[in-house]
């Protein structure tokens, strides 16, 4: 299909390329889950998050590099809202089905607080682009720096990783040499398929939309993310229905962090590297879509800042997320954005005591203590009198 080029009808290209991207995404998901046996959990979370967004990441960079500014934010905003919307709303959606009330507690492990903190900072920073109407190289530097901080903190945070399921469980059960070989080959093969088909898939979506009279922007915003995020959504659903709600949320949250930092930060670089000049412009519609996406992110942060998701907050997300899908008009999207912001700020005010602990994850105290010891030479054991004084001061 790829070698045949434009001689194939767009609907057939859409099915072929879309099927290839979905299949490759599943292969990547299985390989990354199996890799958890040999690699530290924190690093696996970060790598899985990047690999999971690889198909839409390539599409986003392609549109930025070719100067198609009108489509740059379509895929990114759709993927971000899909990941965060499902992360918070999936428990409420599952509860609508028989037996859905037995999904277990919805509590995130403490190491995943770093994702919430990075997501909050990235979402607030992206408001700069909403207000100015452009993405600059300075935005790129800040957002990519946030991603680097996320990688370092995730690698050091540790935590419990979800047990591999299905095909990934069979791969993880292989002897070490066979497992590593299969994981490497699956990753390379799937990555090659994505590199060959992700961009033609985006072009096929645009061409098919033009044939049936559907807005290309809306198709890029939802068709491509739904196809590429299917493996993550399936894994999150299985974890949730098996009573591991916290791990289900963490799977989708990590992907959203990568979208808000690395993906968004790379777009101005790709735009500058292409034939276009100056910062990446954001027209009125793109600014509204990004404003809505920031509102969804802030509401997700507000509901998870205490590391515990309530059924009521999940139901609110489900209702608002479904509503903004049903009415895609720009004015309606702006109204939903205002509602998301209002509800998010209300919850954040109610949970304001949790915010200091959240942002301490970005600047942990331990490194500062080590630097202090380094300035004063080797640390010494405090005397009994000093220890007694310290205890009295803490009381």
Protein backbone atom coordinates (compact mmCIF):
# COMPACT_ATOMS: atom_id res chain seq x y z
CA UNK A 1 0.00 0.00 0.00
CA UNK A 2 2.80 2.40 0.89
CA UNK A 3 4.68 1.72 -2.37
CA UNK A 4 1.52 2.17 -4.43
CA UNK A 5 1.33 5.81 -3.31
CA UNK A 6 -1.64 7.94 -4.34
CA UNK A 7 -3.06 5.36 -6.74
CA UNK A 8 -5.16 3.77 -3.97
CA UNK A 9 -8.53 5.21 -2.90
CA UNK A 10 -8.51 7.14 0.38
CA UNK A 11 -11.05 4.88 2.17
CA UNK A 12 -8.90 1.82 1.45
CA UNK A 13 -5.78 3.70 2.59
CA UNK A 14 -7.59 4.68 5.79
CA UNK A 15 -8.44 1.05 6.59
CA UNK A 16 -5.01 -0.34 5.68
CA UNK A 17 -2.89 2.31 7.38
CA UNK A 18 -5.22 2.54 10.36
CA UNK A 19 -5.10 -1.22 10.87
CA UNK A 20 -1.31 -1.20 10.61
CA UNK A 21 -0.96 1.61 13.17
CA UNK A 22 -3.31 -0.10 15.64
CA UNK A 23 -1.51 -3.44 15.25
CA UNK A 24 1.91 -1.82 15.66
CA UNK A 25 0.68 0.02 18.75
CA UNK A 26 -0.38 -3.29 20.30
CA UNK A 27 3.02 -4.82 19.52
CA UNK A 28 4.75 -1.88 21.20
CA UNK A 29 2.48 -2.12 24.23
CA UNK A 30 3.17 -5.85 24.65
CA UNK A 31 6.91 -5.39 24.28
CA UNK A 32 7.04 -2.53 26.79
CA UNK A 33 4.96 -4.45 29.34
CA UNK A 34 7.27 -7.45 29.04
CA UNK A 35 10.33 -5.18 29.37
CA UNK A 36 9.27 -4.31 32.92
CA UNK A 37 10.78 -7.59 34.07
CA UNK A 38 14.30 -6.42 33.16
CA UNK A 39 14.14 -2.62 33.53
CA UNK A 40 13.48 -0.41 36.55
CA UNK A 41 9.80 0.47 36.92
CA UNK A 42 10.20 4.26 36.85
CA UNK A 43 12.17 4.15 33.62
CA UNK A 44 9.66 1.74 32.07
CA UNK A 45 6.79 4.12 32.85
CA UNK A 46 8.55 6.96 31.04
CA UNK A 47 9.56 4.80 28.05
CA UNK A 48 6.11 3.25 27.73
CA UNK A 49 4.54 6.70 27.84
CA UNK A 50 6.75 7.90 24.97
CA UNK A 51 6.29 4.74 22.91
CA UNK A 52 2.53 4.93 23.38
CA UNK A 53 2.34 8.41 21.83
CA UNK A 54 4.82 7.61 19.04
CA UNK A 55 2.25 7.23 16.19
CA UNK A 56 0.43 10.51 16.82
CA UNK A 57 3.72 12.17 17.73
CA UNK A 58 5.02 11.45 14.22
CA UNK A 59 1.81 12.81 12.68
CA UNK A 60 2.02 16.00 14.76
CA UNK A 61 5.67 16.59 13.89
CA UNK A 62 4.92 15.93 10.19
CA UNK A 63 2.23 18.63 10.03
CA UNK A 64 4.46 21.08 11.92
CA UNK A 65 7.49 20.39 9.70
CA UNK A 66 5.46 20.80 6.50
CA UNK A 67 4.01 24.11 7.74
CA UNK A 68 0.40 22.92 8.01
CA UNK A 69 -0.22 24.98 11.12
CA UNK A 70 -3.99 24.55 10.97
CA UNK A 71 -3.70 20.82 11.68
CA UNK A 72 -0.83 20.83 14.16
CA UNK A 73 -2.93 21.05 17.32
CA UNK A 74 -5.74 18.78 16.11
CA UNK A 75 -4.09 15.47 16.91
CA UNK A 76 -2.36 16.72 20.06
CA UNK A 77 -5.46 18.18 21.69
CA UNK A 78 -7.56 15.15 20.78
CA UNK A 79 -5.03 12.67 22.15
CA UNK A 80 -4.49 14.66 25.36
CA UNK A 81 -8.21 14.99 26.05
CA UNK A 82 -8.81 11.33 25.24
CA UNK A 83 -6.11 10.14 27.66
CA UNK A 84 -7.06 12.47 30.51
CA UNK A 85 -10.79 12.12 29.94
CA UNK A 86 -10.60 8.33 30.03
CA UNK A 87 -8.19 8.36 32.98
CA UNK A 88 -10.78 10.14 35.12
CA UNK A 89 -14.07 9.14 33.45
CA UNK A 90 -13.41 5.46 32.76
CA UNK A 91 -14.47 4.31 36.27
CA UNK A 92 -17.81 6.11 35.92
CA UNK A 93 -18.31 4.64 32.44
CA UNK A 94 -17.51 1.10 33.62
CA UNK A 95 -19.86 1.54 36.58
CA UNK A 96 -22.77 1.90 34.13
CA UNK A 97 -22.35 -1.76 33.09
CA UNK A 98 -23.46 -4.78 35.15
CA UNK A 99 -20.90 -5.53 37.87
CA UNK A 100 -19.19 -2.20 37.35
CA UNK A 101 -19.57 -1.25 41.00
CA UNK A 102 -16.91 -3.85 41.88
CA UNK A 103 -14.01 -1.96 40.31
CA UNK A 104 -12.20 -1.52 43.61
CA UNK A 105 -10.49 1.54 45.16
CA UNK A 106 -9.33 4.37 42.91
CA UNK A 107 -6.11 5.40 44.61
CA UNK A 108 -2.84 6.33 42.92
CA UNK A 109 0.45 5.21 44.49
CA UNK A 110 2.49 8.14 45.86
CA UNK A 111 5.30 7.85 43.24
CA UNK A 112 2.78 8.89 40.56
CA UNK A 113 2.34 12.30 42.18
CA UNK A 114 5.19 13.50 39.95
CA UNK A 115 3.05 12.99 36.83
CA UNK A 116 0.28 15.12 38.31
CA UNK A 117 2.76 17.89 39.20
CA UNK A 118 4.36 17.92 35.73
CA UNK A 119 0.93 17.87 34.09
CA UNK A 120 -0.20 20.86 36.18
CA UNK A 121 2.88 22.94 35.33
CA UNK A 122 2.75 22.00 31.62
CA UNK A 123 -0.95 22.84 31.36
CA UNK A 124 -0.56 26.22 33.07
CA UNK A 125 2.47 27.07 30.92
CA UNK A 126 0.61 26.26 27.71
CA UNK A 127 -1.87 29.05 28.57
CA UNK A 128 0.89 31.39 27.43
CA UNK A 129 0.38 30.07 23.90
CA UNK A 130 -3.41 30.33 24.20
CA UNK A 131 -3.13 34.01 25.11
CA UNK A 132 -0.39 34.94 22.64
CA UNK A 133 -1.63 32.82 19.73
CA UNK A 134 1.72 31.23 18.98
CA UNK A 135 4.16 28.54 20.12
CA UNK A 136 7.74 29.80 20.35
CA UNK A 137 11.15 28.23 20.78
CA UNK A 138 11.11 29.48 24.38
CA UNK A 139 7.94 27.42 24.96
CA UNK A 140 9.74 24.45 23.43
CA UNK A 141 12.68 24.85 25.82
CA UNK A 142 10.43 25.03 28.90
CA UNK A 143 8.17 22.12 27.94
CA UNK A 144 11.01 19.80 26.91
CA UNK A 145 12.80 20.70 30.16
CA UNK A 146 9.67 19.61 32.04
CA UNK A 147 9.83 16.29 30.19
CA UNK A 148 13.48 15.85 31.22
CA UNK A 149 12.52 16.56 34.84
CA UNK A 150 9.74 14.01 34.51
CA UNK A 151 12.14 11.36 33.21
CA UNK A 152 14.58 11.95 36.07
CA UNK A 153 11.91 11.98 38.76
CA UNK A 154 10.09 8.96 37.31
CA UNK A 155 13.32 6.96 37.14
CA UNK A 156 14.04 7.77 40.79
CA UNK A 157 10.49 7.41 42.10
CA UNK A 158 10.17 3.63 41.81
CA UNK A 159 6.72 2.25 42.55
CA UNK A 160 4.77 -0.85 41.65
CA UNK A 161 4.25 -1.67 37.99
CA UNK A 162 1.15 -3.51 36.75
CA UNK A 163 1.61 -7.19 36.07
CA UNK A 164 1.80 -8.04 32.36
CA UNK A 165 -1.42 -9.34 30.86
CA UNK A 166 -2.20 -11.60 27.90
CA UNK A 167 0.53 -11.75 25.26
CA UNK A 168 2.82 -9.58 27.39
CA UNK A 169 2.54 -12.07 30.24
CA UNK A 170 3.66 -14.91 27.94
CA UNK A 171 6.62 -12.82 26.76
CA UNK A 172 7.57 -11.99 30.36
CA UNK A 173 7.52 -15.69 31.26
CA UNK A 174 10.18 -16.58 28.67
CA UNK A 175 13.81 -17.15 29.70
CA UNK A 176 15.74 -13.90 29.94
CA UNK A 177 17.69 -14.22 26.68
CA UNK A 178 14.59 -15.13 24.65
CA UNK A 179 12.49 -12.45 26.34
CA UNK A 180 14.98 -9.67 25.61
CA UNK A 181 15.37 -10.83 22.03
CA UNK A 182 11.62 -10.87 21.40
CA UNK A 183 11.13 -7.51 23.09
CA UNK A 184 13.85 -5.88 20.98
CA UNK A 185 12.56 -7.37 17.72
CA UNK A 186 8.94 -6.45 18.42
CA UNK A 187 9.91 -2.86 19.23
CA UNK A 188 12.03 -2.47 16.11
CA UNK A 189 9.43 -4.03 13.83
CA UNK A 190 6.54 -2.01 15.28
CA UNK A 191 8.54 1.21 15.17
CA UNK A 192 9.39 0.58 11.51
CA UNK A 193 5.72 0.00 10.68
CA UNK A 194 4.71 3.21 12.46
CA UNK A 195 7.39 5.22 10.68
CA UNK A 196 6.14 3.90 7.33
CA UNK A 197 2.42 4.32 7.94
CA UNK A 198 1.73 7.07 10.51
CA UNK A 199 2.07 10.01 8.11
CA UNK A 200 0.13 8.34 5.24
CA UNK A 201 -2.54 7.46 7.81
CA UNK A 202 -2.94 11.14 8.68
CA UNK A 203 -3.09 12.08 4.99
CA UNK A 204 -5.66 9.32 4.37
CA UNK A 205 -7.81 10.70 7.19
CA UNK A 206 -7.75 14.13 5.56
CA UNK A 207 -8.54 12.71 2.11
CA UNK A 208 -11.39 10.52 3.37
CA UNK A 209 -12.85 13.44 5.29
CA UNK A 210 -12.86 15.59 2.17
CA UNK A 211 -14.74 12.86 0.26
CA UNK A 212 -17.58 12.63 2.80
CA UNK A 213 -17.68 16.31 3.75
CA UNK A 214 -16.52 15.95 7.37
CA UNK A 215 -14.20 18.53 8.91
CA UNK A 216 -10.60 17.34 8.45
CA UNK A 217 -9.70 18.99 11.76
CA UNK A 218 -12.26 16.91 13.69
CA UNK A 219 -11.19 13.70 11.96
CA UNK A 220 -7.54 14.28 12.80
CA UNK A 221 -8.50 15.22 16.32
CA UNK A 222 -10.32 11.97 17.08
CA UNK A 223 -9.80 9.25 14.45
CA UNK A 224 -5.99 9.13 14.73
CA UNK A 225 -5.84 9.31 18.57
CA UNK A 226 -8.53 6.65 19.00
CA UNK A 227 -6.60 4.33 16.67
CA UNK A 228 -3.21 4.93 18.26
CA UNK A 229 -4.36 4.96 21.90
CA UNK A 230 -6.43 1.76 21.66
CA UNK A 231 -3.79 -0.45 23.37
CA UNK A 232 -3.51 1.92 26.35
CA UNK A 233 -7.28 2.14 26.68
CA UNK A 234 -7.59 -1.65 26.57
CA UNK A 235 -4.88 -2.11 29.22
CA UNK A 236 -6.46 0.57 31.42
CA UNK A 237 -9.88 -1.07 31.12
CA UNK A 238 -8.53 -4.52 31.99
CA UNK A 239 -6.64 -3.18 35.01
CA UNK A 240 -9.70 -1.29 36.21
CA UNK A 241 -12.04 -4.27 35.92
CA UNK A 242 -9.51 -6.42 37.80
CA UNK A 243 -9.59 -4.13 40.81
CA UNK A 244 -6.38 -2.19 40.06
CA UNK A 245 -7.89 1.24 39.53
CA UNK A 246 -4.80 3.19 40.56
CA UNK A 247 -2.61 1.44 38.00
CA UNK A 248 -5.32 1.96 35.36
CA UNK A 249 -5.23 5.73 35.95
CA UNK A 250 -1.40 5.78 35.97
CA UNK A 251 -1.18 4.12 32.54
CA UNK A 252 -3.20 6.90 30.87
CA UNK A 253 -1.77 9.71 32.99
CA UNK A 254 1.82 9.02 31.89
CA UNK A 255 0.86 9.23 28.22
CA UNK A 256 -0.90 12.57 28.77
CA UNK A 257 2.22 13.98 30.47
CA UNK A 258 4.32 13.08 27.42
CA UNK A 259 1.80 14.79 25.15
CA UNK A 260 1.75 17.98 27.21
CA UNK A 261 5.54 18.26 27.49
CA UNK A 262 7.57 16.46 24.82
CA UNK A 263 4.98 16.47 22.01
CA UNK A 264 3.81 20.05 22.49
CA UNK A 265 7.36 21.27 23.02
CA UNK A 266 8.66 19.63 19.85
CA UNK A 267 6.12 21.28 17.55
CA UNK A 268 7.77 24.75 17.44
CA UNK A 269 11.12 23.07 16.73
CA UNK A 270 9.66 21.06 13.84
CA UNK A 271 7.90 24.14 12.47
CA UNK A 272 11.13 26.16 12.60
CA UNK A 273 13.07 23.33 10.92
CA UNK A 274 10.65 23.28 7.97
CA UNK A 275 10.10 25.87 5.25
CA UNK A 276 8.01 28.14 7.50
CA UNK A 277 9.44 31.14 9.33
CA UNK A 278 8.84 32.48 12.83
CA UNK A 279 6.90 30.99 15.75
CA UNK A 280 4.19 28.40 15.16
CA UNK A 281 0.93 30.40 14.80
CA UNK A 282 -2.30 29.33 16.49
CA UNK A 283 -5.51 30.58 14.88
CA UNK A 284 -8.73 31.23 16.80
CA UNK A 285 -10.01 27.67 16.64
CA UNK A 286 -6.69 26.15 17.66
CA UNK A 287 -6.50 28.49 20.65
CA UNK A 288 -10.01 27.50 21.76
CA UNK A 289 -9.15 23.80 21.42
CA UNK A 290 -5.96 24.24 23.42
CA UNK A 291 -7.85 26.28 26.05
CA UNK A 292 -10.36 23.43 26.41
CA UNK A 293 -7.56 20.88 26.63
CA UNK A 294 -5.90 22.87 29.42
CA UNK A 295 -9.23 22.94 31.26
CA UNK A 296 -9.53 19.15 30.98
CA UNK A 297 -5.96 18.78 32.28
CA UNK A 298 -6.54 21.08 35.25
CA UNK A 299 -9.71 19.21 36.17
CA UNK A 300 -7.81 15.92 36.01
CA UNK A 301 -5.10 17.42 38.25
CA UNK A 302 -7.73 18.71 40.69
CA UNK A 303 -9.47 15.35 40.98
CA UNK A 304 -6.20 13.43 41.45
CA UNK A 305 -4.24 15.89 43.61
CA UNK A 306 -5.18 13.90 46.73
CA UNK A 307 -4.16 10.64 44.95
CA UNK A 308 -7.74 9.46 45.36
CA UNK A 309 -10.42 9.66 42.65
CA UNK A 310 -14.02 9.93 43.83
CA UNK A 311 -16.93 8.46 41.89
CA UNK A 312 -18.58 11.89 41.79
CA UNK A 313 -15.56 13.56 40.14
CA UNK A 314 -15.36 10.69 37.67
CA UNK A 315 -19.04 11.11 36.77
CA UNK A 316 -18.59 14.86 36.20
CA UNK A 317 -15.71 14.18 33.82
CA UNK A 318 -17.76 11.57 31.96
CA UNK A 319 -20.67 14.01 31.47
CA UNK A 320 -18.50 16.95 30.38
CA UNK A 321 -16.23 14.84 28.17
CA UNK A 322 -19.22 13.27 26.38
CA UNK A 323 -20.82 16.69 25.98
CA UNK A 324 -17.84 18.29 24.25
CA UNK A 325 -17.73 15.33 21.86
CA UNK A 326 -21.40 15.66 20.89
CA UNK A 327 -21.25 19.41 20.13
CA UNK A 328 -18.02 20.13 18.20
CA UNK A 329 -18.82 23.77 17.37
CA UNK A 330 -16.21 26.35 18.38
CA UNK A 331 -18.60 28.36 20.57
CA UNK A 332 -19.74 25.22 22.37
CA UNK A 333 -16.14 24.14 22.88
CA UNK A 334 -15.40 27.53 24.42
CA UNK A 335 -18.35 27.16 26.80
CA UNK A 336 -17.23 23.68 27.82
CA UNK A 337 -13.72 25.05 28.39
CA UNK A 338 -15.10 27.67 30.78
CA UNK A 339 -17.08 25.00 32.64
CA UNK A 340 -14.00 22.75 32.93
CA UNK A 341 -11.96 25.66 34.27
CA UNK A 342 -14.64 26.66 36.78
CA UNK A 343 -15.07 23.13 38.14
CA UNK A 344 -11.30 22.55 38.23
CA UNK A 345 -10.64 25.76 40.18
CA UNK A 346 -13.45 24.91 42.60
CA UNK A 347 -11.97 21.48 43.33
CA UNK A 348 -8.43 22.89 43.57
CA UNK A 349 -9.56 25.44 46.15
CA UNK A 350 -11.19 22.67 48.16
CA UNK A 351 -7.99 20.58 47.93
CA UNK A 352 -5.54 23.47 48.34
CA UNK A 353 -3.82 21.80 51.29
CA UNK A 354 -2.62 19.06 48.93
CA UNK A 355 -0.85 21.46 46.56
CA UNK A 356 2.41 21.96 48.55
CA UNK A 357 3.00 18.20 48.69
CA UNK A 358 2.27 17.99 44.97
CA UNK A 359 4.85 20.53 43.88
CA UNK A 360 7.49 19.27 46.31
CA UNK A 361 7.72 16.31 43.93
CA UNK A 362 9.45 18.57 41.40
CA UNK A 363 12.11 19.73 43.85
CA UNK A 364 12.60 16.93 46.39
CA UNK A 365 14.39 17.77 49.63
CA UNK A 366 16.93 14.93 49.47
CA UNK A 367 19.19 16.44 46.76
CA UNK A 368 19.30 19.74 48.64
CA UNK A 369 20.40 17.95 51.78
CA UNK A 370 23.16 16.14 49.91
CA UNK A 371 24.40 19.42 48.43
CA UNK A 372 24.44 20.98 51.90
CA UNK A 373 26.57 18.12 53.20
CA UNK A 374 28.89 18.57 50.22
CA UNK A 375 29.46 22.25 51.00
CA UNK A 376 30.37 21.58 54.64
CA UNK A 377 32.42 18.49 54.09
CA UNK A 378 31.51 15.04 55.38
CA UNK A 379 28.35 14.96 57.39
CA UNK A 380 28.85 14.02 61.02
CA UNK A 381 26.57 12.26 63.44
CA UNK A 382 24.79 14.84 65.66
CA UNK A 383 25.57 14.81 69.37
CA UNK A 384 22.96 13.73 71.88
CA UNK A 385 22.39 17.33 72.91
CA UNK A 386 21.87 18.39 69.28
CA UNK A 387 19.51 15.50 68.64
CA UNK A 388 17.49 16.38 71.75
CA UNK A 389 17.33 20.01 70.62
CA UNK A 390 16.15 18.97 67.16
CA UNK A 391 13.40 16.79 68.61
CA UNK A 392 12.29 19.66 70.87
CA UNK A 393 12.24 22.05 67.91
CA UNK A 394 10.13 19.66 65.82
CA UNK A 395 7.63 19.29 68.65
